[in-house]
Amino acid sequence: MACSPTATSLQRVHDGHPRTLPLPATYVIDRYGVIRWAFVGTDYTTRAEPADILGALDTMS
Protein backbone atom coordinates (compact mmCIF):
# COMPACT_ATOMS: atom_id res chain seq x y z
CA MET A 1 0.00 0.00 0.00
CA ALA A 2 1.52 3.31 -1.06
CA CYS A 3 1.49 6.37 1.20
CA SER A 4 0.03 9.60 -0.03
CA PRO A 5 2.40 12.58 -0.33
CA THR A 6 0.68 14.16 2.68
CA ALA A 7 1.15 11.08 4.85
CA THR A 8 4.80 10.85 3.84
CA SER A 9 5.33 14.52 4.71
CA LEU A 10 3.62 14.11 8.08
CA GLN A 11 5.76 11.08 8.90
CA ARG A 12 8.90 13.08 8.18
CA VAL A 13 7.77 16.13 10.14
CA HIS A 14 6.36 14.22 13.11
CA ASP A 15 9.20 11.74 13.61
CA GLY A 16 7.44 8.81 11.98
CA HIS A 17 4.02 9.40 13.56
CA PRO A 18 1.78 10.27 10.59
CA ARG A 19 -1.36 10.65 12.73
CA THR A 20 0.13 13.23 15.06
CA LEU A 21 -0.80 16.80 14.26
CA PRO A 22 0.09 19.91 16.22
CA LEU A 23 -2.79 21.68 17.91
CA PRO A 24 -2.12 25.33 18.67
CA ALA A 25 -3.18 26.22 22.19
CA THR A 26 -3.07 29.32 24.35
CA TYR A 27 -4.13 29.43 27.98
CA VAL A 28 -4.66 32.25 30.46
CA ILE A 29 -4.04 30.85 33.92
CA ASP A 30 -4.68 32.73 37.13
CA ARG A 31 -2.33 32.88 40.11
CA TYR A 32 -4.04 29.83 41.64
CA GLY A 33 -3.39 27.70 38.59
CA VAL A 34 -6.97 27.81 37.30
CA ILE A 35 -7.42 28.07 33.53
CA ARG A 36 -9.55 31.18 33.00
CA TRP A 37 -9.45 31.27 29.20
CA ALA A 38 -8.38 28.76 26.58
CA PHE A 39 -7.94 28.60 22.86
CA VAL A 40 -7.30 25.22 21.26
CA GLY A 41 -7.41 25.14 17.49
CA THR A 42 -7.82 22.22 15.15
CA ASP A 43 -6.01 24.05 12.34
CA TYR A 44 -2.29 24.28 13.06
CA THR A 45 -2.07 27.49 11.02
CA THR A 46 -4.54 29.34 13.24
CA ARG A 47 -3.55 30.98 16.51
CA ALA A 48 -5.41 32.85 19.22
CA GLU A 49 -6.00 36.49 18.42
CA PRO A 50 -3.91 38.84 20.57
CA ALA A 51 -6.99 41.00 21.26
CA ASP A 52 -8.83 37.94 22.64
CA ILE A 53 -5.91 37.08 24.92
CA LEU A 54 -5.69 40.66 26.16
CA GLY A 55 -9.44 40.70 26.75
CA ALA A 56 -9.17 37.56 28.86
CA LEU A 57 -6.35 39.13 30.86
CA ASP A 58 -8.40 42.30 31.37
CA THR A 59 -11.25 40.32 32.95
CA MET A 60 -8.85 38.92 35.53
CA SER A 61 -7.62 42.25 36.86
PDB file of N, CA and C in Angstrom:
ATOM      1  N   MET A   1       0.841  -1.171   0.000  1.00  0.00           N
ATOM      2  CA  MET A   1       0.000   0.000   0.000  1.00  0.00           C
ATOM      3  C   MET A   1       0.893   1.242   0.000  1.00  0.00           C
ATOM      4  N   ALA A   2       0.706   2.108  -0.938  1.00  0.00           N
ATOM      5  CA  ALA A   2       1.524   3.315  -1.060  1.00  0.00           C
ATOM      6  C   ALA A   2       0.977   4.428  -0.170  1.00  0.00           C
ATOM      7  N   CYS A   3       1.883   5.225   0.370  1.00  0.00           N
ATOM      8  CA  CYS A   3       1.493   6.371   1.197  1.00  0.00           C
ATOM      9  C   CYS A   3       1.224   7.567   0.300  1.00  0.00           C
ATOM     10  N   SER A   4       0.281   8.365   0.713  1.00  0.00           N
ATOM     11  CA  SER A   4       0.032   9.603  -0.028  1.00  0.00           C
ATOM     12  C   SER A   4       1.161  10.582   0.270  1.00  0.00           C
ATOM     13  N   PRO A   5       1.364  11.574  -0.595  1.00  0.00           N
ATOM     14  CA  PRO A   5       2.405  12.580  -0.325  1.00  0.00           C
ATOM     15  C   PRO A   5       2.200  13.276   1.013  1.00  0.00           C
ATOM     16  N   THR A   6       0.956  13.512   1.390  1.00  0.00           N
ATOM     17  CA  THR A   6       0.682  14.161   2.676  1.00  0.00           C
ATOM     18  C   THR A   6       1.110  13.270   3.827  1.00  0.00           C
ATOM     19  N   ALA A   7       0.771  12.012   3.784  1.00  0.00           N
ATOM     20  CA  ALA A   7       1.147  11.083   4.853  1.00  0.00           C
ATOM     21  C   ALA A   7       2.661  10.975   4.958  1.00  0.00           C
ATOM     22  N   THR A   8       3.338  10.922   3.835  1.00  0.00           N
ATOM     23  CA  THR A   8       4.796  10.854   3.839  1.00  0.00           C
ATOM     24  C   THR A   8       5.381  12.108   4.473  1.00  0.00           C
ATOM     25  N   SER A   9       4.856  13.275   4.135  1.00  0.00           N
ATOM     26  CA  SER A   9       5.334  14.522   4.713  1.00  0.00           C
ATOM     27  C   SER A   9       5.096  14.551   6.211  1.00  0.00           C
ATOM     28  N   LEU A  10       3.922  14.104   6.656  1.00  0.00           N
ATOM     29  CA  LEU A  10       3.622  14.105   8.084  1.00  0.00           C
ATOM     30  C   LEU A  10       4.533  13.149   8.842  1.00  0.00           C
ATOM     31  N   GLN A  11       4.839  12.010   8.250  1.00  0.00           N
ATOM     32  CA  GLN A  11       5.758  11.081   8.901  1.00  0.00           C
ATOM     33  C   GLN A  11       7.123  11.734   9.102  1.00  0.00           C
ATOM     34  N   ARG A  12       7.593  12.436   8.095  1.00  0.00           N
ATOM     35  CA  ARG A  12       8.895  13.081   8.180  1.00  0.00           C
ATOM     36  C   ARG A  12       8.876  14.188   9.229  1.00  0.00           C
ATOM     37  N   VAL A  13       7.836  14.998   9.223  1.00  0.00           N
ATOM     38  CA  VAL A  13       7.765  16.133  10.139  1.00  0.00           C
ATOM     39  C   VAL A  13       7.532  15.683  11.575  1.00  0.00           C
ATOM     40  N   HIS A  14       6.749  14.650  11.764  1.00  0.00           N
ATOM     41  CA  HIS A  14       6.363  14.222  13.109  1.00  0.00           C
ATOM     42  C   HIS A  14       7.097  12.970  13.558  1.00  0.00           C
ATOM     43  N   ASP A  15       8.327  12.816  13.131  1.00  0.00           N
ATOM     44  CA  ASP A  15       9.198  11.744  13.607  1.00  0.00           C
ATOM     45  C   ASP A  15       8.577  10.359  13.432  1.00  0.00           C
ATOM     46  N   GLY A  16       7.967  10.133  12.278  1.00  0.00           N
ATOM     47  CA  GLY A  16       7.439   8.812  11.979  1.00  0.00           C
ATOM     48  C   GLY A  16       6.042   8.552  12.501  1.00  0.00           C
ATOM     49  N   HIS A  17       5.382   9.559  13.045  1.00  0.00           N
ATOM     50  CA  HIS A  17       4.024   9.397  13.557  1.00  0.00           C
ATOM     51  C   HIS A  17       3.062  10.165  12.654  1.00  0.00           C
ATOM     52  N   PRO A  18       2.576   9.539  11.582  1.00  0.00           N
ATOM     53  CA  PRO A  18       1.784  10.267  10.593  1.00  0.00           C
ATOM     54  C   PRO A  18       0.433  10.754  11.109  1.00  0.00           C
ATOM     55  N   ARG A  19      -0.051  10.219  12.222  1.00  0.00           N
ATOM     56  CA  ARG A  19      -1.360  10.646  12.728  1.00  0.00           C
ATOM     57  C   ARG A  19      -1.256  11.726  13.801  1.00  0.00           C
ATOM     58  N   THR A  20      -0.071  12.188  14.066  1.00  0.00           N
ATOM     59  CA  THR A  20       0.128  13.229  15.062  1.00  0.00           C
ATOM     60  C   THR A  20       0.143  14.588  14.384  1.00  0.00           C
ATOM     61  N   LEU A  21      -0.754  15.447  14.803  1.00  0.00           N
ATOM     62  CA  LEU A  21      -0.805  16.801  14.262  1.00  0.00           C
ATOM     63  C   LEU A  21      -0.684  17.798  15.406  1.00  0.00           C
ATOM     64  N   PRO A  22       0.006  18.888  15.175  1.00  0.00           N
ATOM     65  CA  PRO A  22       0.093  19.905  16.220  1.00  0.00           C
ATOM     66  C   PRO A  22      -1.247  20.611  16.390  1.00  0.00           C
ATOM     67  N   LEU A  23      -1.606  20.894  17.615  1.00  0.00           N
ATOM     68  CA  LEU A  23      -2.792  21.683  17.911  1.00  0.00           C
ATOM     69  C   LEU A  23      -2.336  22.946  18.633  1.00  0.00           C
ATOM     70  N   PRO A  24      -2.524  24.100  17.999  1.00  0.00           N
ATOM     71  CA  PRO A  24      -2.121  25.331  18.667  1.00  0.00           C
ATOM     72  C   PRO A  24      -3.016  25.571  19.873  1.00  0.00           C
ATOM     73  N   ALA A  25      -2.404  25.966  20.972  1.00  0.00           N
ATOM     74  CA  ALA A  25      -3.180  26.224  22.185  1.00  0.00           C
ATOM     75  C   ALA A  25      -2.581  27.404  22.935  1.00  0.00           C
ATOM     76  N   THR A  26      -3.455  28.198  23.510  1.00  0.00           N
ATOM     77  CA  THR A  26      -3.068  29.319  24.354  1.00  0.00           C
ATOM     78  C   THR A  26      -3.969  29.286  25.577  1.00  0.00           C
ATOM     79  N   TYR A  27      -3.362  29.450  26.736  1.00  0.00           N
ATOM     80  CA  TYR A  27      -4.128  29.433  27.982  1.00  0.00           C
ATOM     81  C   TYR A  27      -3.823  30.680  28.793  1.00  0.00           C
ATOM     82  N   VAL A  28      -4.844  31.198  29.463  1.00  0.00           N
ATOM     83  CA  VAL A  28      -4.662  32.249  30.456  1.00  0.00           C
ATOM     84  C   VAL A  28      -4.959  31.570  31.792  1.00  0.00           C
ATOM     85  N   ILE A  29      -3.958  31.566  32.646  1.00  0.00           N
ATOM     86  CA  ILE A  29      -4.042  30.845  33.919  1.00  0.00           C
ATOM     87  C   ILE A  29      -3.880  31.852  35.051  1.00  0.00           C
ATOM     88  N   ASP A  30      -4.770  31.772  36.028  1.00  0.00           N
ATOM     89  CA  ASP A  30      -4.682  32.731  37.135  1.00  0.00           C
ATOM     90  C   ASP A  30      -3.605  32.312  38.139  1.00  0.00           C
ATOM     91  N   ARG A  31      -3.416  33.121  39.150  1.00  0.00           N
ATOM     92  CA  ARG A  31      -2.335  32.882  40.114  1.00  0.00           C
ATOM     93  C   ARG A  31      -2.539  31.622  40.938  1.00  0.00           C
ATOM     94  N   TYR A  32      -3.756  31.051  40.901  1.00  0.00           N
ATOM     95  CA  TYR A  32      -4.043  29.826  41.637  1.00  0.00           C
ATOM     96  C   TYR A  32      -3.929  28.582  40.755  1.00  0.00           C
ATOM     97  N   GLY A  33      -3.557  28.811  39.512  1.00  0.00           N
ATOM     98  CA  GLY A  33      -3.387  27.699  38.589  1.00  0.00           C
ATOM     99  C   GLY A  33      -4.666  27.275  37.880  1.00  0.00           C
ATOM    100  N   VAL A  34      -5.697  28.105  37.948  1.00  0.00           N
ATOM    101  CA  VAL A  34      -6.973  27.808  37.301  1.00  0.00           C
ATOM    102  C   VAL A  34      -6.967  28.403  35.890  1.00  0.00           C
ATOM    103  N   ILE A  35      -7.328  27.595  34.918  1.00  0.00           N
ATOM    104  CA  ILE A  35      -7.416  28.074  33.533  1.00  0.00           C
ATOM    105  C   ILE A  35      -8.657  28.950  33.430  1.00  0.00           C
ATOM    106  N   ARG A  36      -8.455  30.214  33.106  1.00  0.00           N
ATOM    107  CA  ARG A  36      -9.552  31.176  32.996  1.00  0.00           C
ATOM    108  C   ARG A  36      -9.987  31.425  31.558  1.00  0.00           C
ATOM    109  N   TRP A  37      -9.132  31.104  30.619  1.00  0.00           N
ATOM    110  CA  TRP A  37      -9.448  31.269  29.204  1.00  0.00           C
ATOM    111  C   TRP A  37      -8.577  30.304  28.422  1.00  0.00           C
ATOM    112  N   ALA A  38      -9.156  29.715  27.383  1.00  0.00           N
ATOM    113  CA  ALA A  38      -8.384  28.765  26.579  1.00  0.00           C
ATOM    114  C   ALA A  38      -8.751  28.888  25.112  1.00  0.00           C
ATOM    115  N   PHE A  39      -7.759  28.732  24.302  1.00  0.00           N
ATOM    116  CA  PHE A  39      -7.940  28.603  22.856  1.00  0.00           C
ATOM    117  C   PHE A  39      -7.201  27.341  22.444  1.00  0.00           C
ATOM    118  N   VAL A  40      -7.915  26.411  21.832  1.00  0.00           N
ATOM    119  CA  VAL A  40      -7.301  25.221  21.259  1.00  0.00           C
ATOM    120  C   VAL A  40      -7.860  25.089  19.854  1.00  0.00           C
ATOM    121  N   GLY A  41      -6.983  25.183  18.879  1.00  0.00           N
ATOM    122  CA  GLY A  41      -7.414  25.139  17.490  1.00  0.00           C
ATOM    123  C   GLY A  41      -7.197  23.770  16.869  1.00  0.00           C
ATOM    124  N   THR A  42      -7.998  23.469  15.889  1.00  0.00           N
ATOM    125  CA  THR A  42      -7.816  22.220  15.147  1.00  0.00           C
ATOM    126  C   THR A  42      -7.017  22.442  13.874  1.00  0.00           C
ATOM    127  N   ASP A  43      -6.797  23.695  13.522  1.00  0.00           N
ATOM    128  CA  ASP A  43      -6.011  24.052  12.344  1.00  0.00           C
ATOM    129  C   ASP A  43      -4.671  24.603  12.829  1.00  0.00           C
ATOM    130  N   TYR A  44      -3.603  23.891  12.545  1.00  0.00           N
ATOM    131  CA  TYR A  44      -2.294  24.283  13.062  1.00  0.00           C
ATOM    132  C   TYR A  44      -1.802  25.631  12.531  1.00  0.00           C
ATOM    133  N   THR A  45      -2.480  26.183  11.538  1.00  0.00           N
ATOM    134  CA  THR A  45      -2.073  27.486  11.015  1.00  0.00           C
ATOM    135  C   THR A  45      -2.813  28.636  11.683  1.00  0.00           C
ATOM    136  N   THR A  46      -3.749  28.332  12.560  1.00  0.00           N
ATOM    137  CA  THR A  46      -4.544  29.342  13.241  1.00  0.00           C
ATOM    138  C   THR A  46      -4.075  29.484  14.679  1.00  0.00           C
ATOM    139  N   ARG A  47      -3.961  30.701  15.131  1.00  0.00           N
ATOM    140  CA  ARG A  47      -3.547  30.975  16.505  1.00  0.00           C
ATOM    141  C   ARG A  47      -4.585  31.876  17.176  1.00  0.00           C
ATOM    142  N   ALA A  48      -4.518  31.963  18.483  1.00  0.00           N
ATOM    143  CA  ALA A  48      -5.411  32.850  19.219  1.00  0.00           C
ATOM    144  C   ALA A  48      -5.120  34.294  18.812  1.00  0.00           C
ATOM    145  N   GLU A  49      -6.159  35.081  18.741  1.00  0.00           N
ATOM    146  CA  GLU A  49      -6.004  36.494  18.415  1.00  0.00           C
ATOM    147  C   GLU A  49      -5.461  37.230  19.631  1.00  0.00           C
ATOM    148  N   PRO A  50      -4.451  38.074  19.447  1.00  0.00           N
ATOM    149  CA  PRO A  50      -3.911  38.839  20.573  1.00  0.00           C
ATOM    150  C   PRO A  50      -4.974  39.641  21.323  1.00  0.00           C
ATOM    151  N   ALA A  51      -5.928  40.216  20.613  1.00  0.00           N
ATOM    152  CA  ALA A  51      -6.989  40.997  21.262  1.00  0.00           C
ATOM    153  C   ALA A  51      -7.827  40.111  22.186  1.00  0.00           C
ATOM    154  N   ASP A  52      -8.061  38.865  21.791  1.00  0.00           N
ATOM    155  CA  ASP A  52      -8.825  37.941  22.636  1.00  0.00           C
ATOM    156  C   ASP A  52      -8.044  37.589  23.902  1.00  0.00           C
ATOM    157  N   ILE A  53      -6.756  37.387  23.764  1.00  0.00           N
ATOM    158  CA  ILE A  53      -5.910  37.082  24.917  1.00  0.00           C
ATOM    159  C   ILE A  53      -5.889  38.269  25.872  1.00  0.00           C
ATOM    160  N   LEU A  54      -5.700  39.458  25.337  1.00  0.00           N
ATOM    161  CA  LEU A  54      -5.688  40.661  26.164  1.00  0.00           C
ATOM    162  C   LEU A  54      -7.041  40.882  26.850  1.00  0.00           C
ATOM    163  N   GLY A  55      -8.114  40.592  26.148  1.00  0.00           N
ATOM    164  CA  GLY A  55      -9.443  40.699  26.745  1.00  0.00           C
ATOM    165  C   GLY A  55      -9.611  39.745  27.915  1.00  0.00           C
ATOM    166  N   ALA A  56      -9.103  38.541  27.772  1.00  0.00           N
ATOM    167  CA  ALA A  56      -9.172  37.563  28.865  1.00  0.00           C
ATOM    168  C   ALA A  56      -8.347  38.035  30.049  1.00  0.00           C
ATOM    169  N   LEU A  57      -7.199  38.611  29.775  1.00  0.00           N
ATOM    170  CA  LEU A  57      -6.350  39.129  30.859  1.00  0.00           C
ATOM    171  C   LEU A  57      -7.032  40.307  31.558  1.00  0.00           C
ATOM    172  N   ASP A  58      -7.708  41.149  30.799  1.00  0.00           N
ATOM    173  CA  ASP A  58      -8.405  42.295  31.375  1.00  0.00           C
ATOM    174  C   ASP A  58      -9.498  41.864  32.347  1.00  0.00           C
ATOM    175  N   THR A  59     -10.160  40.770  32.062  1.00  0.00           N
ATOM    176  CA  THR A  59     -11.247  40.315  32.945  1.00  0.00           C
ATOM    177  C   THR A  59     -10.716  39.775  34.265  1.00  0.00           C
ATOM    178  N   MET A  60      -9.439  39.463  34.310  1.00  0.00           N
ATOM    179  CA  MET A  60      -8.851  38.918  35.529  1.00  0.00           C
ATOM    180  C   MET A  60      -8.363  40.014  36.480  1.00  0.00           C
ATOM    181  N   SER A  61      -8.202  41.219  35.989  1.00  0.00           N
ATOM    182  CA  SER A  61      -7.625  42.254  36.857  1.00  0.00           C
ATOM    183  C   SER A  61      -8.674  43.066  37.580  1.00  0.00           C
TER     184      SER A  61
END
